[in-house]
PDB file of N, CA and C in Angstrom:
ATOM      1  N   UNK A   1       0.859  -1.168   0.000  1.00  0.00           N
ATOM      2  CA  UNK A   1       0.000   0.000   0.000  1.00  0.00           C
ATOM      3  C   UNK A   1       0.909   1.236   0.000  1.00  0.00           C
ATOM      4  N   UNK A   2       0.621   2.163  -0.899  1.00  0.00           N
ATOM      5  CA  UNK A   2       1.445   3.366  -0.950  1.00  0.00           C
ATOM      6  C   UNK A   2       1.129   4.286   0.237  1.00  0.00           C
ATOM      7  N   UNK A   3       2.027   5.228   0.485  1.00  0.00           N
ATOM      8  CA  UNK A   3       1.904   6.090   1.654  1.00  0.00           C
ATOM      9  C   UNK A   3       0.635   6.933   1.614  1.00  0.00           C
ATOM     10  N   UNK A   4       0.305   7.488   0.466  1.00  0.00           N
ATOM     11  CA  UNK A   4      -0.897   8.321   0.340  1.00  0.00           C
ATOM     12  C   UNK A   4      -2.144   7.543   0.759  1.00  0.00           C
ATOM     13  N   UNK A   5      -2.303   6.324   0.255  1.00  0.00           N
ATOM     14  CA  UNK A   5      -3.458   5.502   0.596  1.00  0.00           C
ATOM     15  C   UNK A   5      -3.451   5.107   2.073  1.00  0.00           C
ATOM     16  N   UNK A   6      -2.285   4.774   2.583  1.00  0.00           N
ATOM     17  CA  UNK A   6      -2.186   4.390   3.995  1.00  0.00           C
ATOM     18  C   UNK A   6      -2.571   5.562   4.909  1.00  0.00           C
ATOM     19  N   UNK A   7      -2.108   6.757   4.580  1.00  0.00           N
ATOM     20  CA  UNK A   7      -2.471   7.930   5.385  1.00  0.00           C
ATOM     21  C   UNK A   7      -3.960   8.228   5.292  1.00  0.00           C
ATOM     22  N   UNK A   8      -4.520   8.131   4.094  1.00  0.00           N
ATOM     23  CA  UNK A   8      -5.962   8.365   3.910  1.00  0.00           C
ATOM     24  C   UNK A   8      -6.770   7.371   4.754  1.00  0.00           C
ATOM     25  N   UNK A   9      -6.442   6.098   4.665  1.00  0.00           N
ATOM     26  CA  UNK A   9      -7.164   5.074   5.427  1.00  0.00           C
ATOM     27  C   UNK A   9      -6.970   5.262   6.925  1.00  0.00           C
ATOM     28  N   UNK A  10      -5.746   5.546   7.349  1.00  0.00           N
ATOM     29  CA  UNK A  10      -5.456   5.761   8.763  1.00  0.00           C
ATOM     30  C   UNK A  10      -6.254   6.942   9.303  1.00  0.00           C
ATOM     31  N   UNK A  11      -6.253   8.055   8.577  1.00  0.00           N
ATOM     32  CA  UNK A  11      -6.951   9.244   9.044  1.00  0.00           C
ATOM     33  C   UNK A  11      -8.460   9.031   9.075  1.00  0.00           C
ATOM     34  N   UNK A  12      -8.993   8.376   8.064  1.00  0.00           N
ATOM     35  CA  UNK A  12     -10.437   8.095   8.025  1.00  0.00           C
ATOM     36  C   UNK A  12     -10.860   7.259   9.225  1.00  0.00           C
ATOM     37  N   UNK A  13     -10.105   6.199   9.518  1.00  0.00           N
ATOM     38  CA  UNK A  13     -10.500   5.338  10.632  1.00  0.00           C
ATOM     39  C   UNK A  13     -10.161   5.990  11.973  1.00  0.00           C
ATOM     40  N   UNK A  14      -9.167   6.863  12.017  1.00  0.00           N
ATOM     41  CA  UNK A  14      -8.879   7.633  13.243  1.00  0.00           C
ATOM     42  C   UNK A  14     -10.084   8.488  13.612  1.00  0.00           C
ATOM     43  N   UNK A  15     -10.676   9.140  12.631  1.00  0.00           N
ATOM     44  CA  UNK A  15     -11.866   9.969  12.864  1.00  0.00           C
ATOM     45  C   UNK A  15     -13.016   9.100  13.378  1.00  0.00           C
ATOM     46  N   UNK A  16     -13.193   7.932  12.782  1.00  0.00           N
ATOM     47  CA  UNK A  16     -14.247   7.010  13.230  1.00  0.00           C
ATOM     48  C   UNK A  16     -13.961   6.556  14.661  1.00  0.00           C
ATOM     49  N   UNK A  17     -12.743   6.137  14.911  1.00  0.00           N
ATOM     50  CA  UNK A  17     -12.369   5.653  16.247  1.00  0.00           C
ATOM     51  C   UNK A  17     -12.591   6.726  17.321  1.00  0.00           C
ATOM     52  N   UNK A  18     -12.222   7.964  17.026  1.00  0.00           N
ATOM     53  CA  UNK A  18     -12.400   9.043  18.001  1.00  0.00           C
ATOM     54  C   UNK A  18     -13.875   9.361  18.246  1.00  0.00           C
ATOM     55  N   UNK A  19     -14.710   9.159  17.239  1.00  0.00           N
ATOM     56  CA  UNK A  19     -16.146   9.412  17.406  1.00  0.00           C
ATOM     57  C   UNK A  19     -16.870   8.222  18.040  1.00  0.00           C
ATOM     58  N   UNK A  20     -16.310   7.038  17.901  1.00  0.00           N
ATOM     59  CA  UNK A  20     -16.952   5.807  18.370  1.00  0.00           C
ATOM     60  C   UNK A  20     -15.968   5.040  19.262  1.00  0.00           C
ATOM     61  N   UNK A  21     -15.663   5.581  20.409  1.00  0.00           N
ATOM     62  CA  UNK A  21     -14.622   5.018  21.266  1.00  0.00           C
ATOM     63  C   UNK A  21     -14.927   3.610  21.776  1.00  0.00           C
ATOM     64  N   UNK A  22     -16.196   3.200  21.754  1.00  0.00           N
ATOM     65  CA  UNK A  22     -16.555   1.850  22.190  1.00  0.00           C
ATOM     66  C   UNK A  22     -16.561   0.836  21.046  1.00  0.00           C
ATOM     67  N   UNK A  23     -16.229   1.268  19.850  1.00  0.00           N
ATOM     68  CA  UNK A  23     -16.261   0.418  18.659  1.00  0.00           C
ATOM     69  C   UNK A  23     -14.922  -0.319  18.534  1.00  0.00           C
ATOM     70  N   UNK A  24     -14.919  -1.597  18.928  1.00  0.00           N
ATOM     71  CA  UNK A  24     -13.683  -2.397  18.924  1.00  0.00           C
ATOM     72  C   UNK A  24     -13.127  -2.562  17.514  1.00  0.00           C
ATOM     73  N   UNK A  25     -13.996  -2.723  16.521  1.00  0.00           N
ATOM     74  CA  UNK A  25     -13.530  -2.875  15.143  1.00  0.00           C
ATOM     75  C   UNK A  25     -12.818  -1.611  14.665  1.00  0.00           C
ATOM     76  N   UNK A  26     -13.328  -0.459  15.037  1.00  0.00           N
ATOM     77  CA  UNK A  26     -12.680   0.802  14.668  1.00  0.00           C
ATOM     78  C   UNK A  26     -11.302   0.900  15.321  1.00  0.00           C
ATOM     79  N   UNK A  27     -11.207   0.529  16.595  1.00  0.00           N
ATOM     80  CA  UNK A  27      -9.923   0.541  17.295  1.00  0.00           C
ATOM     81  C   UNK A  27      -8.933  -0.408  16.619  1.00  0.00           C
ATOM     82  N   UNK A  28      -9.362  -1.629  16.349  1.00  0.00           N
ATOM     83  CA  UNK A  28      -8.479  -2.615  15.718  1.00  0.00           C
ATOM     84  C   UNK A  28      -7.984  -2.134  14.354  1.00  0.00           C
ATOM     85  N   UNK A  29      -8.881  -1.540  13.580  1.00  0.00           N
ATOM     86  CA  UNK A  29      -8.514  -1.053  12.256  1.00  0.00           C
ATOM     87  C   UNK A  29      -7.569   0.135  12.365  1.00  0.00           C
ATOM     88  N   UNK A  30      -7.833   1.032  13.301  1.00  0.00           N
ATOM     89  CA  UNK A  30      -6.942   2.169  13.544  1.00  0.00           C
ATOM     90  C   UNK A  30      -5.540   1.679  13.914  1.00  0.00           C
ATOM     91  N   UNK A  31      -5.457   0.712  14.796  1.00  0.00           N
ATOM     92  CA  UNK A  31      -4.161   0.161  15.195  1.00  0.00           C
ATOM     93  C   UNK A  31      -3.451  -0.509  14.018  1.00  0.00           C
ATOM     94  N   UNK A  32      -4.209  -1.208  13.166  1.00  0.00           N
ATOM     95  CA  UNK A  32      -3.650  -1.848  11.973  1.00  0.00           C
ATOM     96  C   UNK A  32      -2.992  -0.816  11.061  1.00  0.00           C
ATOM     97  N   UNK A  33      -3.705   0.278  10.768  1.00  0.00           N
ATOM     98  CA  UNK A  33      -3.145   1.289   9.878  1.00  0.00           C
ATOM     99  C   UNK A  33      -2.016   2.078  10.546  1.00  0.00           C
ATOM    100  N   UNK A  34      -2.065   2.233  11.860  1.00  0.00           N
ATOM    101  CA  UNK A  34      -0.953   2.861  12.563  1.00  0.00           C
ATOM    102  C   UNK A  34       0.313   2.018  12.401  1.00  0.00           C
ATOM    103  N   UNK A  35       0.169   0.715  12.481  1.00  0.00           N
ATOM    104  CA  UNK A  35       1.302  -0.188  12.283  1.00  0.00           C
ATOM    105  C   UNK A  35       1.853  -0.072  10.865  1.00  0.00           C
ATOM    106  N   UNK A  36       0.986   0.008   9.877  1.00  0.00           N
ATOM    107  CA  UNK A  36       1.444   0.174   8.498  1.00  0.00           C
ATOM    108  C   UNK A  36       2.270   1.460   8.372  1.00  0.00           C
ATOM    109  N   UNK A  37       1.782   2.539   8.969  1.00  0.00           N
ATOM    110  CA  UNK A  37       2.503   3.806   8.859  1.00  0.00           C
ATOM    111  C   UNK A  37       3.845   3.770   9.591  1.00  0.00           C
ATOM    112  N   UNK A  38       3.865   3.191  10.779  1.00  0.00           N
ATOM    113  CA  UNK A  38       5.090   3.229  11.571  1.00  0.00           C
ATOM    114  C   UNK A  38       6.094   2.144  11.185  1.00  0.00           C
ATOM    115  N   UNK A  39       5.626   0.971  10.812  1.00  0.00           N
ATOM    116  CA  UNK A  39       6.552  -0.115  10.495  1.00  0.00           C
ATOM    117  C   UNK A  39       6.876  -0.194   9.000  1.00  0.00           C
ATOM    118  N   UNK A  40       5.863  -0.146   8.150  1.00  0.00           N
ATOM    119  CA  UNK A  40       6.112  -0.273   6.707  1.00  0.00           C
ATOM    120  C   UNK A  40       6.677   1.012   6.107  1.00  0.00           C
ATOM    121  N   UNK A  41       6.120   2.152   6.517  1.00  0.00           N
ATOM    122  CA  UNK A  41       6.547   3.425   5.936  1.00  0.00           C
ATOM    123  C   UNK A  41       7.520   4.195   6.829  1.00  0.00           C
ATOM    124  N   UNK A  42       7.779   3.694   8.036  1.00  0.00           N
ATOM    125  CA  UNK A  42       8.743   4.279   8.967  1.00  0.00           C
ATOM    126  C   UNK A  42       8.450   5.741   9.325  1.00  0.00           C
ATOM    127  N   UNK A  43       7.154   6.039   9.532  1.00  0.00           N
ATOM    128  CA  UNK A  43       6.786   7.392   9.937  1.00  0.00           C
ATOM    129  C   UNK A  43       6.916   7.536  11.445  1.00  0.00           C
ATOM    130  N   UNK A  44       7.262   8.733  11.873  1.00  0.00           N
ATOM    131  CA  UNK A  44       7.363   9.060  13.287  1.00  0.00           C
ATOM    132  C   UNK A  44       6.632  10.374  13.532  1.00  0.00           C
ATOM    133  N   UNK A  45       6.287  10.605  14.795  1.00  0.00           N
ATOM    134  CA  UNK A  45       5.681  11.880  15.217  1.00  0.00           C
ATOM    135  C   UNK A  45       4.497  12.283  14.343  1.00  0.00           C
ATOM    136  N   UNK A  46       3.573  11.375  14.155  1.00  0.00           N
ATOM    137  CA  UNK A  46       2.401  11.645  13.316  1.00  0.00           C
ATOM    138  C   UNK A  46       1.412  12.504  14.104  1.00  0.00           C
ATOM    139  N   UNK A  47       1.059  13.647  13.544  1.00  0.00           N
ATOM    140  CA  UNK A  47       0.119  14.558  14.182  1.00  0.00           C
ATOM    141  C   UNK A  47      -0.874  15.053  13.143  1.00  0.00           C
ATOM    142  N   UNK A  48      -2.082  15.360  13.609  1.00  0.00           N
ATOM    143  CA  UNK A  48      -3.145  15.813  12.721  1.00  0.00           C
ATOM    144  C   UNK A  48      -3.581  17.208  13.133  1.00  0.00           C
ATOM    145  N   UNK A  49      -3.765  18.043  12.136  1.00  0.00           N
ATOM    146  CA  UNK A  49      -4.238  19.408  12.333  1.00  0.00           C
ATOM    147  C   UNK A  49      -5.415  19.620  11.384  1.00  0.00           C
ATOM    148  N   UNK A  50      -6.410  20.344  11.843  1.00  0.00           N
ATOM    149  CA  UNK A  50      -7.539  20.682  10.975  1.00  0.00           C
ATOM    150  C   UNK A  50      -7.464  22.169  10.666  1.00  0.00           C
ATOM    151  N   UNK A  51      -7.345  22.462   9.384  1.00  0.00           N
ATOM    152  CA  UNK A  51      -7.377  23.836   8.891  1.00  0.00           C
ATOM    153  C   UNK A  51      -8.405  23.826   7.768  1.00  0.00           C
ATOM    154  N   UNK A  52      -9.611  24.270   8.118  1.00  0.00           N
ATOM    155  CA  UNK A  52     -10.744  24.190   7.199  1.00  0.00           C
ATOM    156  C   UNK A  52     -10.355  24.709   5.821  1.00  0.00           C
ATOM    157  N   UNK A  53     -10.531  23.960   4.776  1.00  0.00           N
ATOM    158  CA  UNK A  53     -11.340  22.755   4.608  1.00  0.00           C
ATOM    159  C   UNK A  53     -10.522  21.461   4.574  1.00  0.00           C
ATOM    160  N   UNK A  54      -9.351  21.447   5.231  1.00  0.00           N
ATOM    161  CA  UNK A  54      -8.465  20.295   5.104  1.00  0.00           C
ATOM    162  C   UNK A  54      -8.056  19.717   6.460  1.00  0.00           C
ATOM    163  N   UNK A  55      -7.803  18.410   6.435  1.00  0.00           N
ATOM    164  CA  UNK A  55      -7.026  17.762   7.490  1.00  0.00           C
ATOM    165  C   UNK A  55      -5.584  17.792   6.986  1.00  0.00           C
ATOM    166  N   UNK A  56      -4.670  18.143   7.855  1.00  0.00           N
ATOM    167  CA  UNK A  56      -3.252  18.124   7.499  1.00  0.00           C
ATOM    168  C   UNK A  56      -2.562  17.140   8.429  1.00  0.00           C
ATOM    169  N   UNK A  57      -1.920  16.146   7.842  1.00  0.00           N
ATOM    170  CA  UNK A  57      -1.186  15.143   8.611  1.00  0.00           C
ATOM    171  C   UNK A  57       0.297  15.502   8.527  1.00  0.00           C
ATOM    172  N   UNK A  58       0.880  15.790   9.690  1.00  0.00           N
ATOM    173  CA  UNK A  58       2.306  16.101   9.789  1.00  0.00           C
ATOM    174  C   UNK A  58       3.019  14.854  10.298  1.00  0.00           C
ATOM    175  N   UNK A  59       4.195  14.578   9.764  1.00  0.00           N
ATOM    176  CA  UNK A  59       4.956  13.413  10.189  1.00  0.00           C
ATOM    177  C   UNK A  59       6.424  13.590   9.825  1.00  0.00           C
ATOM    178  N   UNK A  60       7.245  12.742  10.420  1.00  0.00           N
ATOM    179  CA  UNK A  60       8.669  12.716  10.113  1.00  0.00           C
ATOM    180  C   UNK A  60       8.960  11.397   9.422  1.00  0.00           C
ATOM    181  N   UNK A  61       9.619  11.496   8.268  1.00  0.00           N
ATOM    182  CA  UNK A  61      10.021  10.299   7.513  1.00  0.00           C
ATOM    183  C   UNK A  61      11.488  10.471   7.139  1.00  0.00           C
ATOM    184  N   UNK A  62      12.296   9.520   7.575  1.00  0.00           N
ATOM    185  CA  UNK A  62      13.737   9.547   7.305  1.00  0.00           C
ATOM    186  C   UNK A  62      14.355  10.877   7.741  1.00  0.00           C
ATOM    187  N   UNK A  63      13.926  11.360   8.907  1.00  0.00           N
ATOM    188  CA  UNK A  63      14.478  12.569   9.472  1.00  0.00           C
ATOM    189  C   UNK A  63      13.944  13.866   8.895  1.00  0.00           C
ATOM    190  N   UNK A  64      13.064  13.783   7.920  1.00  0.00           N
ATOM    191  CA  UNK A  64      12.515  14.970   7.275  1.00  0.00           C
ATOM    192  C   UNK A  64      11.064  15.187   7.687  1.00  0.00           C
ATOM    193  N   UNK A  65      10.717  16.419   8.047  1.00  0.00           N
ATOM    194  CA  UNK A  65       9.333  16.776   8.355  1.00  0.00           C
ATOM    195  C   UNK A  65       8.563  16.861   7.035  1.00  0.00           C
ATOM    196  N   UNK A  66       7.445  16.156   6.962  1.00  0.00           N
ATOM    197  CA  UNK A  66       6.612  16.175   5.767  1.00  0.00           C
ATOM    198  C   UNK A  66       5.149  16.315   6.176  1.00  0.00           C
ATOM    199  N   UNK A  67       4.297  16.543   5.191  1.00  0.00           N
ATOM    200  CA  UNK A  67       2.867  16.622   5.472  1.00  0.00           C
ATOM    201  C   UNK A  67       2.081  16.236   4.221  1.00  0.00           C
ATOM    202  N   UNK A  68       0.854  15.784   4.459  1.00  0.00           N
ATOM    203  CA  UNK A  68      -0.117  15.502   3.403  1.00  0.00           C
ATOM    204  C   UNK A  68      -1.427  16.139   3.830  1.00  0.00           C
ATOM    205  N   UNK A  69      -2.200  16.569   2.838  1.00  0.00           N
ATOM    206  CA  UNK A  69      -3.487  17.200   3.120  1.00  0.00           C
ATOM    207  C   UNK A  69      -4.613  16.388   2.493  1.00  0.00           C
ATOM    208  N   UNK A  70      -5.748  16.372   3.206  1.00  0.00           N
ATOM    209  CA  UNK A  70      -6.937  15.657   2.742  1.00  0.00           C
ATOM    210  C   UNK A  70      -8.162  16.515   3.025  1.00  0.00           C
ATOM    211  N   UNK A  71      -9.094  16.599   2.082  1.00  0.00           N
ATOM    212  CA  UNK A  71     -10.325  17.358   2.318  1.00  0.00           C
ATOM    213  C   UNK A  71     -11.125  16.767   3.485  1.00  0.00           C
ATOM    214  N   UNK A  72     -11.642  17.641   4.339  1.00  0.00           N
ATOM    215  CA  UNK A  72     -12.419  17.204   5.499  1.00  0.00           C
ATOM    216  C   UNK A  72     -13.589  16.319   5.084  1.00  0.00           C
ATOM    217  N   UNK A  73     -14.335  16.734   4.062  1.00  0.00           N
ATOM    218  CA  UNK A  73     -15.518  15.954   3.674  1.00  0.00           C
ATOM    219  C   UNK A  73     -15.142  14.562   3.183  1.00  0.00           C
ATOM    220  N   UNK A  74     -13.995  14.409   2.535  1.00  0.00           N
ATOM    221  CA  UNK A  74     -13.553  13.094   2.073  1.00  0.00           C
ATOM    222  C   UNK A  74     -13.190  12.194   3.254  1.00  0.00           C
ATOM    223  N   UNK A  75     -12.485  12.746   4.228  1.00  0.00           N
ATOM    224  CA  UNK A  75     -12.064  11.963   5.393  1.00  0.00           C
ATOM    225  C   UNK A  75     -13.253  11.585   6.274  1.00  0.00           C
ATOM    226  N   UNK A  76     -14.195  12.490   6.436  1.00  0.00           N
ATOM    227  CA  UNK A  76     -15.325  12.223   7.329  1.00  0.00           C
ATOM    228  C   UNK A  76     -16.441  11.419   6.667  1.00  0.00           C
ATOM    229  N   UNK A  77     -16.293  11.088   5.395  1.00  0.00           N
ATOM    230  CA  UNK A  77     -17.319  10.320   4.677  1.00  0.00           C
ATOM    231  C   UNK A  77     -17.527   8.936   5.299  1.00  0.00           C
ATOM    232  N   UNK A  78     -16.456   8.275   5.718  1.00  0.00           N
ATOM    233  CA  UNK A  78     -16.587   6.944   6.323  1.00  0.00           C
ATOM    234  C   UNK A  78     -17.412   7.013   7.600  1.00  0.00           C
ATOM    235  N   UNK A  79     -17.131   7.979   8.454  1.00  0.00           N
ATOM    236  CA  UNK A  79     -17.902   8.141   9.692  1.00  0.00           C
ATOM    237  C   UNK A  79     -19.368   8.400   9.370  1.00  0.00           C
ATOM    238  N   UNK A  80     -19.633   9.258   8.423  1.00  0.00           N
ATOM    239  CA  UNK A  80     -21.017   9.564   8.042  1.00  0.00           C
ATOM    240  C   UNK A  80     -21.733   8.324   7.514  1.00  0.00           C
ATOM    241  N   UNK A  81     -21.041   7.508   6.737  1.00  0.00           N
ATOM    242  CA  UNK A  81     -21.646   6.269   6.226  1.00  0.00           C
ATOM    243  C   UNK A  81     -21.979   5.319   7.371  1.00  0.00           C
ATOM    244  N   UNK A  82     -21.070   5.180   8.306  1.00  0.00           N
ATOM    245  CA  UNK A  82     -21.295   4.288   9.447  1.00  0.00           C
ATOM    246  C   UNK A  82     -22.456   4.806  10.293  1.00  0.00           C
ATOM    247  N   UNK A  83     -22.490   6.090  10.544  1.00  0.00           N
ATOM    248  CA  UNK A  83     -23.548   6.652  11.386  1.00  0.00           C
ATOM    249  C   UNK A  83     -24.915   6.605  10.717  1.00  0.00           C
ATOM    250  N   UNK A  84     -24.958   6.590   9.409  1.00  0.00           N
ATOM    251  CA  UNK A  84     -26.234   6.544   8.713  1.00  0.00           C
ATOM    252  C   UNK A  84     -26.760   5.125   8.521  1.00  0.00           C
ATOM    253  N   UNK A  85     -25.960   4.134   8.890  1.00  0.00           N
ATOM    254  CA  UNK A  85     -26.363   2.730   8.760  1.00  0.00           C
ATOM    255  C   UNK A  85     -26.949   2.262  10.094  1.00  0.00           C
ATOM    256  N   UNK A  86     -28.258   2.019  10.146  1.00  0.00           N
ATOM    257  CA  UNK A  86     -28.901   1.651  11.425  1.00  0.00           C
ATOM    258  C   UNK A  86     -28.300   0.451  12.131  1.00  0.00           C
ATOM    259  N   UNK A  87     -27.798  -0.528  11.414  1.00  0.00           N
ATOM    260  CA  UNK A  87     -27.278  -1.716  12.085  1.00  0.00           C
ATOM    261  C   UNK A  87     -25.991  -1.441  12.859  1.00  0.00           C
ATOM    262  N   UNK A  88     -25.334  -0.308  12.627  1.00  0.00           N
ATOM    263  CA  UNK A  88     -24.119   0.037  13.342  1.00  0.00           C
ATOM    264  C   UNK A  88     -24.375   0.985  14.510  1.00  0.00           C
ATOM    265  N   UNK A  89     -25.633   1.372  14.717  1.00  0.00           N
ATOM    266  CA  UNK A  89     -25.941   2.318  15.783  1.00  0.00           C
ATOM    267  C   UNK A  89     -26.802   1.721  16.859  1.00  0.00           C
TER     268      UNK A  89
END
């Protein structure tokens, strides 16, 4: 999985996990993608900032500070889908 996709998936499920703290599947998935970022892509110091209309993910890779940006509506789409599905609520 490339870094862009891994960050997108990690951030999407991070938002879900933070909104649904009792959701074990969300926690497990968040931990899975955190492992991909830290072990496969060797990211460190991963932090998230919201600057409307974007989520900005800051991280260190190979000693260099880097960042990626994602539209808020794209990242929060997974949470909205889960919340709109009655069987998950």
